[in-house]
Amino acid sequence: MRSDSELLKKYRHVPDWQRSVPMRWAPSRYEVIQWRQARERQGWLNAYKFPPAQRVPIEYQALFAGQIWKGRVLLLRHSYEQTWQVHASPMWLLMRRHEVSAAVWRNYSNQ
């Protein structure tokens, strides 16, 4: 098994990024489930059922505060403290999931 420093060197070319897109409506619980299930049919994993991989780059999408948050991240680069302190950080959206309606993720493949 590789050490964390070796993994950071291996994935140094993968930049972290995050952006939010406002939703045009306040989705009902049914619409949130439909959104999540549509992503799952495309190969995304439900963050509530499957904890995100921390040692490989991932792409994620989350519904939070009337916005769709999208990004790519190697969670190993971020401190676990962000899970509780930094509002809307990738760790906060994927690990804590406080007030996050739905979150999905998949392994990032550079194609």
N, C-alpha and C. Protein backbone atom coordinates (compact mmCIF):
# COMPACT_ATOMS: atom_id res chain seq x y z
N MET A 1 0.85 -1.18 0.00
CA MET A 1 0.00 0.00 0.00
C MET A 1 0.89 1.24 0.00
N ARG A 2 0.50 2.20 -0.80
CA ARG A 2 1.29 3.42 -0.93
C ARG A 2 1.07 4.34 0.26
N SER A 3 2.11 5.08 0.59
CA SER A 3 1.98 6.07 1.66
C SER A 3 1.24 7.30 1.12
N ASP A 4 0.78 8.13 2.03
CA ASP A 4 0.06 9.34 1.63
C ASP A 4 0.92 10.26 0.79
N SER A 5 2.19 10.38 1.14
CA SER A 5 3.07 11.28 0.38
C SER A 5 3.27 10.77 -1.05
N GLU A 6 3.34 9.46 -1.24
CA GLU A 6 3.47 8.91 -2.58
C GLU A 6 2.20 9.17 -3.40
N LEU A 7 1.05 9.06 -2.75
CA LEU A 7 -0.20 9.33 -3.45
C LEU A 7 -0.33 10.80 -3.83
N LEU A 8 0.12 11.69 -2.95
CA LEU A 8 0.07 13.11 -3.26
C LEU A 8 0.96 13.43 -4.46
N LYS A 9 2.11 12.79 -4.55
CA LYS A 9 2.99 12.99 -5.70
C LYS A 9 2.35 12.43 -6.96
N LYS A 10 1.73 11.27 -6.86
CA LYS A 10 1.11 10.62 -8.02
C LYS A 10 0.00 11.48 -8.60
N TYR A 11 -0.80 12.11 -7.75
CA TYR A 11 -1.96 12.87 -8.21
C TYR A 11 -1.74 14.38 -8.19
N ARG A 12 -0.50 14.84 -8.19
CA ARG A 12 -0.23 16.28 -8.12
C ARG A 12 -0.73 17.01 -9.37
N HIS A 13 -0.89 16.32 -10.50
CA HIS A 13 -1.37 16.94 -11.74
C HIS A 13 -2.89 17.13 -11.75
N VAL A 14 -3.59 16.56 -10.79
CA VAL A 14 -5.06 16.66 -10.74
C VAL A 14 -5.42 17.86 -9.87
N PRO A 15 -5.90 18.95 -10.48
CA PRO A 15 -6.23 20.13 -9.68
C PRO A 15 -7.57 19.97 -8.98
N ASP A 16 -7.67 20.54 -7.78
CA ASP A 16 -8.94 20.60 -7.08
C ASP A 16 -9.72 21.81 -7.60
N TRP A 17 -11.00 21.65 -7.78
CA TRP A 17 -11.84 22.78 -8.15
C TRP A 17 -13.25 22.54 -7.64
N GLN A 18 -13.98 23.62 -7.47
CA GLN A 18 -15.36 23.55 -6.99
C GLN A 18 -16.11 24.76 -7.52
N ARG A 19 -17.35 24.53 -7.94
CA ARG A 19 -18.20 25.65 -8.36
C ARG A 19 -19.63 25.33 -7.99
N SER A 20 -20.41 26.36 -7.83
CA SER A 20 -21.83 26.16 -7.51
C SER A 20 -22.68 26.81 -8.59
N VAL A 21 -23.79 26.17 -8.87
CA VAL A 21 -24.72 26.65 -9.88
C VAL A 21 -26.07 26.82 -9.20
N PRO A 22 -26.66 28.00 -9.24
CA PRO A 22 -27.97 28.18 -8.60
C PRO A 22 -29.05 27.34 -9.28
N MET A 23 -29.95 26.80 -8.47
CA MET A 23 -31.09 26.07 -9.02
C MET A 23 -32.19 27.07 -9.31
N ARG A 24 -32.99 26.78 -10.33
CA ARG A 24 -34.07 27.69 -10.70
C ARG A 24 -35.33 27.46 -9.89
N TRP A 25 -35.33 26.45 -9.07
CA TRP A 25 -36.51 26.13 -8.28
C TRP A 25 -36.07 25.52 -6.96
N ALA A 26 -36.96 25.49 -6.01
CA ALA A 26 -36.70 24.80 -4.75
C ALA A 26 -37.25 23.39 -4.93
N PRO A 27 -36.38 22.40 -5.11
CA PRO A 27 -36.86 21.05 -5.42
C PRO A 27 -37.57 20.40 -4.24
N SER A 28 -38.60 19.66 -4.57
CA SER A 28 -39.29 18.88 -3.55
C SER A 28 -38.43 17.66 -3.22
N ARG A 29 -38.77 16.97 -2.17
CA ARG A 29 -38.01 15.76 -1.80
C ARG A 29 -38.04 14.74 -2.94
N TYR A 30 -39.19 14.63 -3.61
CA TYR A 30 -39.33 13.72 -4.74
C TYR A 30 -38.37 14.10 -5.86
N GLU A 31 -38.24 15.40 -6.18
CA GLU A 31 -37.33 15.84 -7.24
C GLU A 31 -35.87 15.61 -6.87
N VAL A 32 -35.54 15.76 -5.59
CA VAL A 32 -34.17 15.48 -5.13
C VAL A 32 -33.86 14.01 -5.34
N ILE A 33 -34.79 13.14 -4.99
CA ILE A 33 -34.58 11.70 -5.17
C ILE A 33 -34.44 11.36 -6.65
N GLN A 34 -35.26 11.98 -7.49
CA GLN A 34 -35.16 11.75 -8.93
C GLN A 34 -33.80 12.21 -9.46
N TRP A 35 -33.32 13.35 -9.00
CA TRP A 35 -32.01 13.87 -9.41
C TRP A 35 -30.91 12.89 -9.03
N ARG A 36 -30.95 12.43 -7.76
CA ARG A 36 -29.93 11.50 -7.28
C ARG A 36 -29.97 10.18 -8.04
N GLN A 37 -31.15 9.64 -8.24
CA GLN A 37 -31.27 8.36 -8.93
C GLN A 37 -30.84 8.46 -10.39
N ALA A 38 -31.07 9.58 -11.02
CA ALA A 38 -30.60 9.77 -12.39
C ALA A 38 -29.08 9.72 -12.45
N ARG A 39 -28.42 10.34 -11.45
CA ARG A 39 -26.96 10.29 -11.40
C ARG A 39 -26.47 8.87 -11.12
N GLU A 40 -27.18 8.16 -10.24
CA GLU A 40 -26.78 6.79 -9.93
C GLU A 40 -26.88 5.89 -11.16
N ARG A 41 -27.86 6.12 -12.01
CA ARG A 41 -27.97 5.34 -13.25
C ARG A 41 -26.82 5.64 -14.20
N GLN A 42 -26.19 6.80 -14.05
CA GLN A 42 -25.04 7.18 -14.88
C GLN A 42 -23.72 6.73 -14.27
N GLY A 43 -23.77 6.00 -13.16
CA GLY A 43 -22.55 5.46 -12.56
C GLY A 43 -22.04 6.19 -11.33
N TRP A 44 -22.74 7.22 -10.86
CA TRP A 44 -22.34 7.93 -9.65
C TRP A 44 -22.74 7.10 -8.43
N LEU A 45 -22.07 7.31 -7.31
CA LEU A 45 -22.38 6.62 -6.06
C LEU A 45 -23.01 7.59 -5.07
N ASN A 46 -24.00 7.11 -4.34
CA ASN A 46 -24.69 7.91 -3.33
C ASN A 46 -23.75 8.10 -2.13
N ALA A 47 -23.45 9.34 -1.78
CA ALA A 47 -22.52 9.62 -0.69
C ALA A 47 -23.06 9.19 0.67
N TYR A 48 -24.38 9.03 0.79
CA TYR A 48 -24.96 8.57 2.04
C TYR A 48 -24.72 7.08 2.25
N LYS A 49 -24.70 6.32 1.17
CA LYS A 49 -24.51 4.87 1.26
C LYS A 49 -23.04 4.47 1.13
N PHE A 50 -22.29 5.19 0.31
CA PHE A 50 -20.90 4.84 0.03
C PHE A 50 -20.00 6.02 0.38
N PRO A 51 -19.22 5.91 1.45
CA PRO A 51 -18.32 7.00 1.81
C PRO A 51 -17.35 7.30 0.66
N PRO A 52 -17.08 8.56 0.38
CA PRO A 52 -16.20 8.89 -0.74
C PRO A 52 -14.78 8.40 -0.52
N ALA A 53 -14.15 8.01 -1.62
CA ALA A 53 -12.75 7.58 -1.59
C ALA A 53 -11.88 8.77 -1.22
N GLN A 54 -10.93 8.56 -0.33
CA GLN A 54 -10.08 9.66 0.12
C GLN A 54 -8.71 9.63 -0.52
N ARG A 55 -8.30 8.49 -1.06
CA ARG A 55 -6.94 8.33 -1.56
C ARG A 55 -6.84 8.37 -3.07
N VAL A 56 -7.95 8.64 -3.76
CA VAL A 56 -7.94 8.80 -5.21
C VAL A 56 -8.78 10.04 -5.55
N PRO A 57 -8.50 10.70 -6.67
CA PRO A 57 -9.31 11.87 -7.04
C PRO A 57 -10.74 11.46 -7.35
N ILE A 58 -11.69 12.28 -6.92
CA ILE A 58 -13.10 12.01 -7.20
C ILE A 58 -13.76 13.26 -7.77
N GLU A 59 -14.86 13.06 -8.47
CA GLU A 59 -15.75 14.13 -8.88
C GLU A 59 -16.98 14.01 -8.01
N TYR A 60 -17.60 15.12 -7.69
CA TYR A 60 -18.79 15.06 -6.85
C TYR A 60 -19.80 16.11 -7.28
N GLN A 61 -21.05 15.86 -6.89
CA GLN A 61 -22.13 16.81 -7.04
C GLN A 61 -22.97 16.74 -5.78
N ALA A 62 -23.43 17.88 -5.32
CA ALA A 62 -24.25 17.92 -4.10
C ALA A 62 -25.29 19.03 -4.23
N LEU A 63 -26.46 18.76 -3.69
CA LEU A 63 -27.52 19.78 -3.63
C LEU A 63 -27.50 20.36 -2.23
N PHE A 64 -27.22 21.66 -2.15
CA PHE A 64 -27.12 22.31 -0.84
C PHE A 64 -27.46 23.78 -0.99
N ALA A 65 -28.29 24.29 -0.11
CA ALA A 65 -28.62 25.72 -0.01
C ALA A 65 -29.08 26.31 -1.33
N GLY A 66 -29.92 25.58 -2.04
CA GLY A 66 -30.46 26.09 -3.29
C GLY A 66 -29.48 26.13 -4.44
N GLN A 67 -28.38 25.39 -4.31
CA GLN A 67 -27.38 25.37 -5.37
C GLN A 67 -26.91 23.94 -5.60
N ILE A 68 -26.45 23.69 -6.83
CA ILE A 68 -25.80 22.43 -7.14
C ILE A 68 -24.31 22.69 -7.06
N TRP A 69 -23.64 22.02 -6.14
CA TRP A 69 -22.19 22.16 -5.96
C TRP A 69 -21.52 21.03 -6.73
N LYS A 70 -20.57 21.39 -7.59
CA LYS A 70 -19.85 20.41 -8.39
C LYS A 70 -18.37 20.63 -8.17
N GLY A 71 -17.61 19.54 -8.27
CA GLY A 71 -16.18 19.72 -8.13
C GLY A 71 -15.40 18.44 -8.34
N ARG A 72 -14.10 18.61 -8.30
CA ARG A 72 -13.16 17.50 -8.37
C ARG A 72 -12.15 17.72 -7.23
N VAL A 73 -11.84 16.65 -6.52
CA VAL A 73 -11.00 16.82 -5.34
C VAL A 73 -10.29 15.53 -4.99
N LEU A 74 -9.12 15.66 -4.41
CA LEU A 74 -8.44 14.56 -3.75
C LEU A 74 -8.58 14.85 -2.26
N LEU A 75 -9.47 14.14 -1.60
CA LEU A 75 -9.80 14.44 -0.20
C LEU A 75 -8.60 14.31 0.73
N LEU A 76 -7.62 13.54 0.32
CA LEU A 76 -6.40 13.36 1.11
C LEU A 76 -5.68 14.70 1.33
N ARG A 77 -5.84 15.64 0.40
CA ARG A 77 -5.20 16.96 0.51
C ARG A 77 -5.83 17.85 1.56
N HIS A 78 -7.04 17.54 1.97
CA HIS A 78 -7.79 18.41 2.88
C HIS A 78 -7.77 17.83 4.29
N SER A 79 -7.76 18.71 5.26
CA SER A 79 -7.76 18.25 6.65
C SER A 79 -9.15 17.81 7.05
N TYR A 80 -9.20 16.88 7.96
CA TYR A 80 -10.48 16.37 8.44
C TYR A 80 -11.25 17.44 9.21
N GLU A 81 -10.55 18.45 9.71
CA GLU A 81 -11.20 19.54 10.44
C GLU A 81 -12.16 20.32 9.56
N GLN A 82 -11.92 20.33 8.24
CA GLN A 82 -12.82 21.04 7.33
C GLN A 82 -14.22 20.42 7.33
N THR A 83 -14.30 19.15 7.71
CA THR A 83 -15.59 18.49 7.77
C THR A 83 -16.53 19.24 8.70
N TRP A 84 -16.00 19.82 9.75
CA TRP A 84 -16.83 20.47 10.77
C TRP A 84 -16.76 21.97 10.73
N GLN A 85 -15.73 22.57 10.15
CA GLN A 85 -15.52 24.00 10.29
C GLN A 85 -15.76 24.81 9.02
N VAL A 86 -15.33 24.34 7.87
CA VAL A 86 -15.39 25.14 6.65
C VAL A 86 -16.70 24.86 5.92
N HIS A 87 -17.59 25.84 5.95
CA HIS A 87 -18.92 25.73 5.36
C HIS A 87 -18.82 25.51 3.85
N ALA A 88 -19.48 24.47 3.33
CA ALA A 88 -19.56 24.13 1.91
C ALA A 88 -18.23 23.73 1.29
N SER A 89 -17.27 23.31 2.09
CA SER A 89 -16.04 22.74 1.53
C SER A 89 -16.35 21.34 1.02
N PRO A 90 -15.50 20.75 0.18
CA PRO A 90 -15.78 19.39 -0.28
C PRO A 90 -15.94 18.39 0.88
N MET A 91 -15.10 18.52 1.90
CA MET A 91 -15.22 17.63 3.06
C MET A 91 -16.56 17.84 3.75
N TRP A 92 -16.98 19.08 3.87
CA TRP A 92 -18.24 19.41 4.54
C TRP A 92 -19.42 18.84 3.76
N LEU A 93 -19.39 18.98 2.42
CA LEU A 93 -20.49 18.51 1.59
C LEU A 93 -20.57 16.98 1.54
N LEU A 94 -19.41 16.33 1.49
CA LEU A 94 -19.40 14.88 1.28
C LEU A 94 -19.36 14.06 2.56
N MET A 95 -18.69 14.55 3.58
CA MET A 95 -18.52 13.76 4.79
C MET A 95 -19.54 14.12 5.87
N ARG A 96 -19.72 15.40 6.10
CA ARG A 96 -20.65 15.82 7.15
C ARG A 96 -22.09 15.76 6.66
N ARG A 97 -22.31 16.32 5.48
CA ARG A 97 -23.62 16.30 4.82
C ARG A 97 -24.72 16.99 5.63
N HIS A 98 -24.36 17.96 6.47
CA HIS A 98 -25.36 18.68 7.26
C HIS A 98 -26.17 19.58 6.34
N GLU A 99 -27.47 19.38 6.30
CA GLU A 99 -28.39 20.14 5.47
C GLU A 99 -28.13 19.97 3.98
N VAL A 100 -27.41 18.94 3.58
CA VAL A 100 -27.18 18.63 2.17
C VAL A 100 -28.31 17.70 1.73
N SER A 101 -29.07 18.11 0.74
CA SER A 101 -30.22 17.31 0.30
C SER A 101 -29.80 15.99 -0.31
N ALA A 102 -28.77 16.02 -1.16
CA ALA A 102 -28.28 14.81 -1.81
C ALA A 102 -26.84 15.06 -2.24
N ALA A 103 -26.05 14.00 -2.27
CA ALA A 103 -24.66 14.10 -2.72
C ALA A 103 -24.28 12.79 -3.41
N VAL A 104 -23.60 12.93 -4.54
CA VAL A 104 -23.12 11.77 -5.29
C VAL A 104 -21.66 12.00 -5.66
N TRP A 105 -20.94 10.91 -5.92
CA TRP A 105 -19.54 11.02 -6.29
C TRP A 105 -19.16 9.84 -7.18
N ARG A 106 -18.05 10.00 -7.89
CA ARG A 106 -17.46 8.91 -8.68
C ARG A 106 -15.97 9.15 -8.77
N ASN A 107 -15.24 8.08 -9.05
CA ASN A 107 -13.80 8.22 -9.24
C ASN A 107 -13.54 9.07 -10.48
N TYR A 108 -12.56 9.94 -10.38
CA TYR A 108 -12.20 10.80 -11.49
C TYR A 108 -11.32 10.02 -12.46
N SER A 109 -11.69 10.08 -13.72
CA SER A 109 -10.83 9.47 -14.74
C SER A 109 -10.47 10.55 -15.75
N ASN A 110 -9.21 10.71 -16.00
CA ASN A 110 -8.72 11.76 -16.90
C ASN A 110 -8.79 11.26 -18.34
N GLN A 111 -9.95 11.45 -18.95
CA GLN A 111 -10.14 10.96 -20.33
C GLN A 111 -10.23 12.09 -21.30
